Amino acid sequence: MSRVVAAAAANLTASGRAVPYRTVGRRAGDIAANYADVSLAHRLLGWRATRTLHDMCKDTWRWQSDNPKGFQKS
């Protein structure tokens, strides 16, 4: 499953609403792959990710539902 499809599925599960998307070819300049080594964050900061993609989508949906106009202007 592609990352886009996984994210769309997680948003659907979290919000109950489908996120429209299209499967198309890569755009000019898009990279073929992206990798990250998160061990530096743990070594320097003692930080590790503890939440799942579904957790992130659920929290994002909750925040957006509670704040439909976004952040308040100061």
PDB file of N, CA and C in Angstrom:
ATOM      1  N   MET A   1       0.858  -1.174   0.000  1.00  0.00           N
ATOM      2  CA  MET A   1       0.000   0.000   0.000  1.00  0.00           C
ATOM      3  C   MET A   1       0.906   1.240   0.000  1.00  0.00           C
ATOM      4  N   SER A   2       0.586   2.195  -0.827  1.00  0.00           N
ATOM      5  CA  SER A   2       1.383   3.421  -0.882  1.00  0.00           C
ATOM      6  C   SER A   2       1.129   4.275   0.356  1.00  0.00           C
ATOM      7  N   ARG A   3       2.039   5.192   0.626  1.00  0.00           N
ATOM      8  CA  ARG A   3       1.888   6.083   1.781  1.00  0.00           C
ATOM      9  C   ARG A   3       0.645   6.952   1.644  1.00  0.00           C
ATOM     10  N   VAL A   4       0.345   7.382   0.438  1.00  0.00           N
ATOM     11  CA  VAL A   4      -0.838   8.228   0.225  1.00  0.00           C
ATOM     12  C   VAL A   4      -2.104   7.434   0.527  1.00  0.00           C
ATOM     13  N   VAL A   5      -2.178   6.205   0.049  1.00  0.00           N
ATOM     14  CA  VAL A   5      -3.352   5.367   0.299  1.00  0.00           C
ATOM     15  C   VAL A   5      -3.465   5.061   1.784  1.00  0.00           C
ATOM     16  N   ALA A   6      -2.334   4.784   2.450  1.00  0.00           N
ATOM     17  CA  ALA A   6      -2.348   4.514   3.889  1.00  0.00           C
ATOM     18  C   ALA A   6      -2.843   5.733   4.662  1.00  0.00           C
ATOM     19  N   ALA A   7      -2.392   6.917   4.282  1.00  0.00           N
ATOM     20  CA  ALA A   7      -2.826   8.142   4.954  1.00  0.00           C
ATOM     21  C   ALA A   7      -4.314   8.392   4.709  1.00  0.00           C
ATOM     22  N   ALA A   8      -4.776   8.179   3.494  1.00  0.00           N
ATOM     23  CA  ALA A   8      -6.199   8.369   3.189  1.00  0.00           C
ATOM     24  C   ALA A   8      -7.046   7.374   3.978  1.00  0.00           C
ATOM     25  N   ALA A   9      -6.595   6.133   4.092  1.00  0.00           N
ATOM     26  CA  ALA A   9      -7.328   5.115   4.854  1.00  0.00           C
ATOM     27  C   ALA A   9      -7.351   5.466   6.339  1.00  0.00           C
ATOM     28  N   ALA A  10      -6.240   5.939   6.878  1.00  0.00           N
ATOM     29  CA  ALA A  10      -6.179   6.318   8.292  1.00  0.00           C
ATOM     30  C   ALA A  10      -7.101   7.499   8.563  1.00  0.00           C
ATOM     31  N   ASN A  11      -7.153   8.466   7.649  1.00  0.00           N
ATOM     32  CA  ASN A  11      -8.069   9.605   7.815  1.00  0.00           C
ATOM     33  C   ASN A  11      -9.512   9.152   7.761  1.00  0.00           C
ATOM     34  N   LEU A  12      -9.837   8.225   6.882  1.00  0.00           N
ATOM     35  CA  LEU A  12     -11.199   7.705   6.784  1.00  0.00           C
ATOM     36  C   LEU A  12     -11.597   7.029   8.094  1.00  0.00           C
ATOM     37  N   THR A  13     -10.704   6.198   8.624  1.00  0.00           N
ATOM     38  CA  THR A  13     -10.987   5.506   9.884  1.00  0.00           C
ATOM     39  C   THR A  13     -11.156   6.507  11.031  1.00  0.00           C
ATOM     40  N   ALA A  14     -10.299   7.506  11.085  1.00  0.00           N
ATOM     41  CA  ALA A  14     -10.322   8.474  12.187  1.00  0.00           C
ATOM     42  C   ALA A  14     -11.517   9.411  12.123  1.00  0.00           C
ATOM     43  N   SER A  15     -11.875   9.840  10.909  1.00  0.00           N
ATOM     44  CA  SER A  15     -12.908  10.880  10.776  1.00  0.00           C
ATOM     45  C   SER A  15     -14.248  10.367  10.271  1.00  0.00           C
ATOM     46  N   GLY A  16     -14.237   9.196   9.649  1.00  0.00           N
ATOM     47  CA  GLY A  16     -15.466   8.695   9.036  1.00  0.00           C
ATOM     48  C   GLY A  16     -15.749   9.358   7.700  1.00  0.00           C
ATOM     49  N   ARG A  17     -14.799  10.126   7.203  1.00  0.00           N
ATOM     50  CA  ARG A  17     -14.962  10.820   5.927  1.00  0.00           C
ATOM     51  C   ARG A  17     -13.836  10.452   4.979  1.00  0.00           C
ATOM     52  N   ALA A  18     -14.190  10.179   3.753  1.00  0.00           N
ATOM     53  CA  ALA A  18     -13.187   9.819   2.749  1.00  0.00           C
ATOM     54  C   ALA A  18     -12.415  11.054   2.301  1.00  0.00           C
ATOM     55  N   VAL A  19     -11.136  10.891   2.112  1.00  0.00           N
ATOM     56  CA  VAL A  19     -10.292  11.952   1.572  1.00  0.00           C
ATOM     57  C   VAL A  19     -10.094  11.649   0.093  1.00  0.00           C
ATOM     58  N   PRO A  20     -10.583  12.523  -0.794  1.00  0.00           N
ATOM     59  CA  PRO A  20     -10.424  12.235  -2.221  1.00  0.00           C
ATOM     60  C   PRO A  20      -8.952  12.309  -2.629  1.00  0.00           C
ATOM     61  N   TYR A  21      -8.529  11.370  -3.449  1.00  0.00           N
ATOM     62  CA  TYR A  21      -7.165  11.384  -3.986  1.00  0.00           C
ATOM     63  C   TYR A  21      -7.172  10.690  -5.339  1.00  0.00           C
ATOM     64  N   ARG A  22      -6.159  10.969  -6.113  1.00  0.00           N
ATOM     65  CA  ARG A  22      -5.988  10.335  -7.424  1.00  0.00           C
ATOM     66  C   ARG A  22      -4.614   9.697  -7.462  1.00  0.00           C
ATOM     67  N   THR A  23      -4.519   8.537  -8.097  1.00  0.00           N
ATOM     68  CA  THR A  23      -3.235   7.897  -8.299  1.00  0.00           C
ATOM     69  C   THR A  23      -2.708   8.350  -9.652  1.00  0.00           C
ATOM     70  N   VAL A  24      -1.594   9.041  -9.633  1.00  0.00           N
ATOM     71  CA  VAL A  24      -0.984   9.557 -10.855  1.00  0.00           C
ATOM     72  C   VAL A  24       0.523   9.279 -10.802  1.00  0.00           C
ATOM     73  N   GLY A  25       1.188   9.517 -11.899  1.00  0.00           N
ATOM     74  CA  GLY A  25       2.634   9.337 -11.939  1.00  0.00           C
ATOM     75  C   GLY A  25       3.347  10.429 -11.159  1.00  0.00           C
ATOM     76  N   ARG A  26       4.616  10.188 -10.920  1.00  0.00           N
ATOM     77  CA  ARG A  26       5.407  11.198 -10.210  1.00  0.00           C
ATOM     78  C   ARG A  26       5.531  12.461 -11.048  1.00  0.00           C
ATOM     79  N   ARG A  27       5.648  13.564 -10.358  1.00  0.00           N
ATOM     80  CA  ARG A  27       5.841  14.846 -11.019  1.00  0.00           C
ATOM     81  C   ARG A  27       7.327  15.056 -11.281  1.00  0.00           C
ATOM     82  N   ALA A  28       7.624  15.933 -12.192  1.00  0.00           N
ATOM     83  CA  ALA A  28       9.023  16.266 -12.456  1.00  0.00           C
ATOM     84  C   ALA A  28       9.643  16.783 -11.165  1.00  0.00           C
ATOM     85  N   GLY A  29      10.786  16.238 -10.799  1.00  0.00           N
ATOM     86  CA  GLY A  29      11.460  16.664  -9.594  1.00  0.00           C
ATOM     87  C   GLY A  29      11.131  15.837  -8.365  1.00  0.00           C
ATOM     88  N   ASP A  30      10.076  15.002  -8.416  1.00  0.00           N
ATOM     89  CA  ASP A  30       9.761  14.132  -7.276  1.00  0.00           C
ATOM     90  C   ASP A  30      10.860  13.089  -7.122  1.00  0.00           C
ATOM     91  N   ILE A  31      11.192  12.784  -5.878  1.00  0.00           N
ATOM     92  CA  ILE A  31      12.206  11.764  -5.636  1.00  0.00           C
ATOM     93  C   ILE A  31      11.568  10.377  -5.696  1.00  0.00           C
ATOM     94  N   ALA A  32      12.377   9.385  -6.024  1.00  0.00           N
ATOM     95  CA  ALA A  32      11.861   8.019  -6.155  1.00  0.00           C
ATOM     96  C   ALA A  32      11.620   7.383  -4.791  1.00  0.00           C
ATOM     97  N   ALA A  33      12.444   7.726  -3.806  1.00  0.00           N
ATOM     98  CA  ALA A  33      12.323   7.137  -2.476  1.00  0.00           C
ATOM     99  C   ALA A  33      12.849   8.122  -1.445  1.00  0.00           C
ATOM    100  N   ASN A  34      12.392   7.953  -0.213  1.00  0.00           N
ATOM    101  CA  ASN A  34      12.818   8.819   0.881  1.00  0.00           C
ATOM    102  C   ASN A  34      13.013   7.953   2.115  1.00  0.00           C
ATOM    103  N   TYR A  35      14.156   8.059   2.752  1.00  0.00           N
ATOM    104  CA  TYR A  35      14.463   7.254   3.938  1.00  0.00           C
ATOM    105  C   TYR A  35      14.922   8.176   5.049  1.00  0.00           C
ATOM    106  N   ALA A  36      14.679   7.764   6.277  1.00  0.00           N
ATOM    107  CA  ALA A  36      15.115   8.555   7.426  1.00  0.00           C
ATOM    108  C   ALA A  36      15.627   7.619   8.514  1.00  0.00           C
ATOM    109  N   ASP A  37      16.633   8.077   9.228  1.00  0.00           N
ATOM    110  CA  ASP A  37      17.153   7.358  10.384  1.00  0.00           C
ATOM    111  C   ASP A  37      16.819   8.204  11.605  1.00  0.00           C
ATOM    112  N   VAL A  38      15.874   7.727  12.408  1.00  0.00           N
ATOM    113  CA  VAL A  38      15.399   8.516  13.544  1.00  0.00           C
ATOM    114  C   VAL A  38      16.236   8.305  14.799  1.00  0.00           C
ATOM    115  N   SER A  39      17.307   7.524  14.694  1.00  0.00           N
ATOM    116  CA  SER A  39      18.121   7.244  15.885  1.00  0.00           C
ATOM    117  C   SER A  39      18.802   8.502  16.426  1.00  0.00           C
ATOM    118  N   LEU A  40      19.085   9.493  15.578  1.00  0.00           N
ATOM    119  CA  LEU A  40      19.720  10.724  16.037  1.00  0.00           C
ATOM    120  C   LEU A  40      18.804  11.469  17.017  1.00  0.00           C
ATOM    121  N   ALA A  41      17.523  11.527  16.717  1.00  0.00           N
ATOM    122  CA  ALA A  41      16.575  12.183  17.624  1.00  0.00           C
ATOM    123  C   ALA A  41      16.568  11.479  18.983  1.00  0.00           C
ATOM    124  N   HIS A  42      16.656  10.168  18.957  1.00  0.00           N
ATOM    125  CA  HIS A  42      16.680   9.445  20.231  1.00  0.00           C
ATOM    126  C   HIS A  42      17.997   9.680  20.975  1.00  0.00           C
ATOM    127  N   ARG A  43      19.096   9.627  20.253  1.00  0.00           N
ATOM    128  CA  ARG A  43      20.399   9.827  20.891  1.00  0.00           C
ATOM    129  C   ARG A  43      20.547  11.224  21.481  1.00  0.00           C
ATOM    130  N   LEU A  44      20.164  12.248  20.716  1.00  0.00           N
ATOM    131  CA  LEU A  44      20.364  13.630  21.165  1.00  0.00           C
ATOM    132  C   LEU A  44      19.283  14.120  22.122  1.00  0.00           C
ATOM    133  N   LEU A  45      18.055  13.700  21.876  1.00  0.00           N
ATOM    134  CA  LEU A  45      16.920  14.257  22.628  1.00  0.00           C
ATOM    135  C   LEU A  45      16.206  13.249  23.524  1.00  0.00           C
ATOM    136  N   GLY A  46      16.549  11.973  23.353  1.00  0.00           N
ATOM    137  CA  GLY A  46      15.836  10.945  24.108  1.00  0.00           C
ATOM    138  C   GLY A  46      14.402  10.765  23.641  1.00  0.00           C
ATOM    139  N   TRP A  47      14.131  11.153  22.396  1.00  0.00           N
ATOM    140  CA  TRP A  47      12.770  11.135  21.864  1.00  0.00           C
ATOM    141  C   TRP A  47      12.550   9.939  20.956  1.00  0.00           C
ATOM    142  N   ARG A  48      11.416   9.302  21.110  1.00  0.00           N
ATOM    143  CA  ARG A  48      10.973   8.240  20.194  1.00  0.00           C
ATOM    144  C   ARG A  48       9.503   8.482  19.872  1.00  0.00           C
ATOM    145  N   ALA A  49       9.136   8.198  18.651  1.00  0.00           N
ATOM    146  CA  ALA A  49       7.725   8.290  18.262  1.00  0.00           C
ATOM    147  C   ALA A  49       6.952   7.193  18.987  1.00  0.00           C
ATOM    148  N   THR A  50       5.815   7.546  19.537  1.00  0.00           N
ATOM    149  CA  THR A  50       4.993   6.570  20.260  1.00  0.00           C
ATOM    150  C   THR A  50       3.599   6.450  19.671  1.00  0.00           C
ATOM    151  N   ARG A  51       3.255   7.330  18.765  1.00  0.00           N
ATOM    152  CA  ARG A  51       1.916   7.318  18.189  1.00  0.00           C
ATOM    153  C   ARG A  51       1.940   6.711  16.790  1.00  0.00           C
ATOM    154  N   THR A  52       0.779   6.210  16.369  1.00  0.00           N
ATOM    155  CA  THR A  52       0.641   5.615  15.041  1.00  0.00           C
ATOM    156  C   THR A  52       0.091   6.651  14.063  1.00  0.00           C
ATOM    157  N   LEU A  53       0.091   6.292  12.796  1.00  0.00           N
ATOM    158  CA  LEU A  53      -0.523   7.153  11.782  1.00  0.00           C
ATOM    159  C   LEU A  53      -1.992   7.377  12.117  1.00  0.00           C
ATOM    160  N   HIS A  54      -2.682   6.326  12.551  1.00  0.00           N
ATOM    161  CA  HIS A  54      -4.096   6.469  12.922  1.00  0.00           C
ATOM    162  C   HIS A  54      -4.255   7.431  14.097  1.00  0.00           C
ATOM    163  N   ASP A  55      -3.379   7.338  15.096  1.00  0.00           N
ATOM    164  CA  ASP A  55      -3.427   8.267  16.229  1.00  0.00           C
ATOM    165  C   ASP A  55      -3.296   9.709  15.749  1.00  0.00           C
ATOM    166  N   MET A  56      -2.347   9.945  14.835  1.00  0.00           N
ATOM    167  CA  MET A  56      -2.121  11.284  14.311  1.00  0.00           C
ATOM    168  C   MET A  56      -3.369  11.807  13.593  1.00  0.00           C
ATOM    169  N   CYS A  57      -3.965  10.970  12.755  1.00  0.00           N
ATOM    170  CA  CYS A  57      -5.147  11.398  12.009  1.00  0.00           C
ATOM    171  C   CYS A  57      -6.323  11.654  12.938  1.00  0.00           C
ATOM    172  N   LYS A  58      -6.484  10.800  13.948  1.00  0.00           N
ATOM    173  CA  LYS A  58      -7.567  10.980  14.911  1.00  0.00           C
ATOM    174  C   LYS A  58      -7.414  12.292  15.680  1.00  0.00           C
ATOM    175  N   ASP A  59      -6.194  12.587  16.119  1.00  0.00           N
ATOM    176  CA  ASP A  59      -5.940  13.816  16.854  1.00  0.00           C
ATOM    177  C   ASP A  59      -6.120  15.042  15.958  1.00  0.00           C
ATOM    178  N   THR A  60      -5.652  14.953  14.716  1.00  0.00           N
ATOM    179  CA  THR A  60      -5.824  16.056  13.762  1.00  0.00           C
ATOM    180  C   THR A  60      -7.300  16.322  13.515  1.00  0.00           C
ATOM    181  N   TRP A  61      -8.088  15.259  13.334  1.00  0.00           N
ATOM    182  CA  TRP A  61      -9.523  15.414  13.099  1.00  0.00           C
ATOM    183  C   TRP A  61     -10.212  16.024  14.319  1.00  0.00           C
ATOM    184  N   ARG A  62      -9.827  15.575  15.525  1.00  0.00           N
ATOM    185  CA  ARG A  62     -10.410  16.125  16.744  1.00  0.00           C
ATOM    186  C   ARG A  62     -10.112  17.618  16.839  1.00  0.00           C
ATOM    187  N   TRP A  63      -8.833  18.001  16.609  1.00  0.00           N
ATOM    188  CA  TRP A  63      -8.463  19.402  16.713  1.00  0.00           C
ATOM    189  C   TRP A  63      -9.221  20.233  15.680  1.00  0.00           C
ATOM    190  N   GLN A  64      -9.271  19.766  14.440  1.00  0.00           N
ATOM    191  CA  GLN A  64      -9.943  20.527  13.386  1.00  0.00           C
ATOM    192  C   GLN A  64     -11.436  20.651  13.664  1.00  0.00           C
ATOM    193  N   SER A  65     -12.036  19.594  14.190  1.00  0.00           N
ATOM    194  CA  SER A  65     -13.466  19.645  14.535  1.00  0.00           C
ATOM    195  C   SER A  65     -13.730  20.646  15.655  1.00  0.00           C
ATOM    196  N   ASP A  66     -12.801  20.723  16.620  1.00  0.00           N
ATOM    197  CA  ASP A  66     -12.940  21.660  17.728  1.00  0.00           C
ATOM    198  C   ASP A  66     -12.585  23.094  17.334  1.00  0.00           C
ATOM    199  N   ASN A  67     -11.842  23.251  16.238  1.00  0.00           N
ATOM    200  CA  ASN A  67     -11.358  24.574  15.802  1.00  0.00           C
ATOM    201  C   ASN A  67     -11.598  24.753  14.297  1.00  0.00           C
ATOM    202  N   PRO A  68     -12.852  24.784  13.852  1.00  0.00           N
ATOM    203  CA  PRO A  68     -13.137  24.819  12.418  1.00  0.00           C
ATOM    204  C   PRO A  68     -12.573  26.050  11.680  1.00  0.00           C
ATOM    205  N   LYS A  69     -12.288  27.121  12.415  1.00  0.00           N
ATOM    206  CA  LYS A  69     -11.733  28.317  11.787  1.00  0.00           C
ATOM    207  C   LYS A  69     -10.224  28.418  11.979  1.00  0.00           C
ATOM    208  N   GLY A  70      -9.622  27.353  12.537  1.00  0.00           N
ATOM    209  CA  GLY A  70      -8.171  27.365  12.739  1.00  0.00           C
ATOM    210  C   GLY A  70      -7.786  28.098  14.005  1.00  0.00           C
ATOM    211  N   PHE A  71      -6.561  28.579  14.037  1.00  0.00           N
ATOM    212  CA  PHE A  71      -6.057  29.309  15.196  1.00  0.00           C
ATOM    213  C   PHE A  71      -6.713  30.684  15.281  1.00  0.00           C
ATOM    214  N   GLN A  72      -6.900  31.136  16.504  1.00  0.00           N
ATOM    215  CA  GLN A  72      -7.427  32.476  16.723  1.00  0.00           C
ATOM    216  C   GLN A  72      -6.337  33.490  16.391  1.00  0.00           C
ATOM    217  N   LYS A  73      -6.716  34.586  15.784  1.00  0.00           N
ATOM    218  CA  LYS A  73      -5.754  35.656  15.523  1.00  0.00           C
ATOM    219  C   LYS A  73      -5.481  36.405  16.813  1.00  0.00           C
ATOM    220  N   SER A  74      -4.201  36.757  17.040  1.00  0.00           N
ATOM    221  CA  SER A  74      -3.884  37.457  18.297  1.00  0.00           C
ATOM    222  C   SER A  74      -3.867  38.947  18.116  1.00  0.00           C
TER     223      SER A  74
END
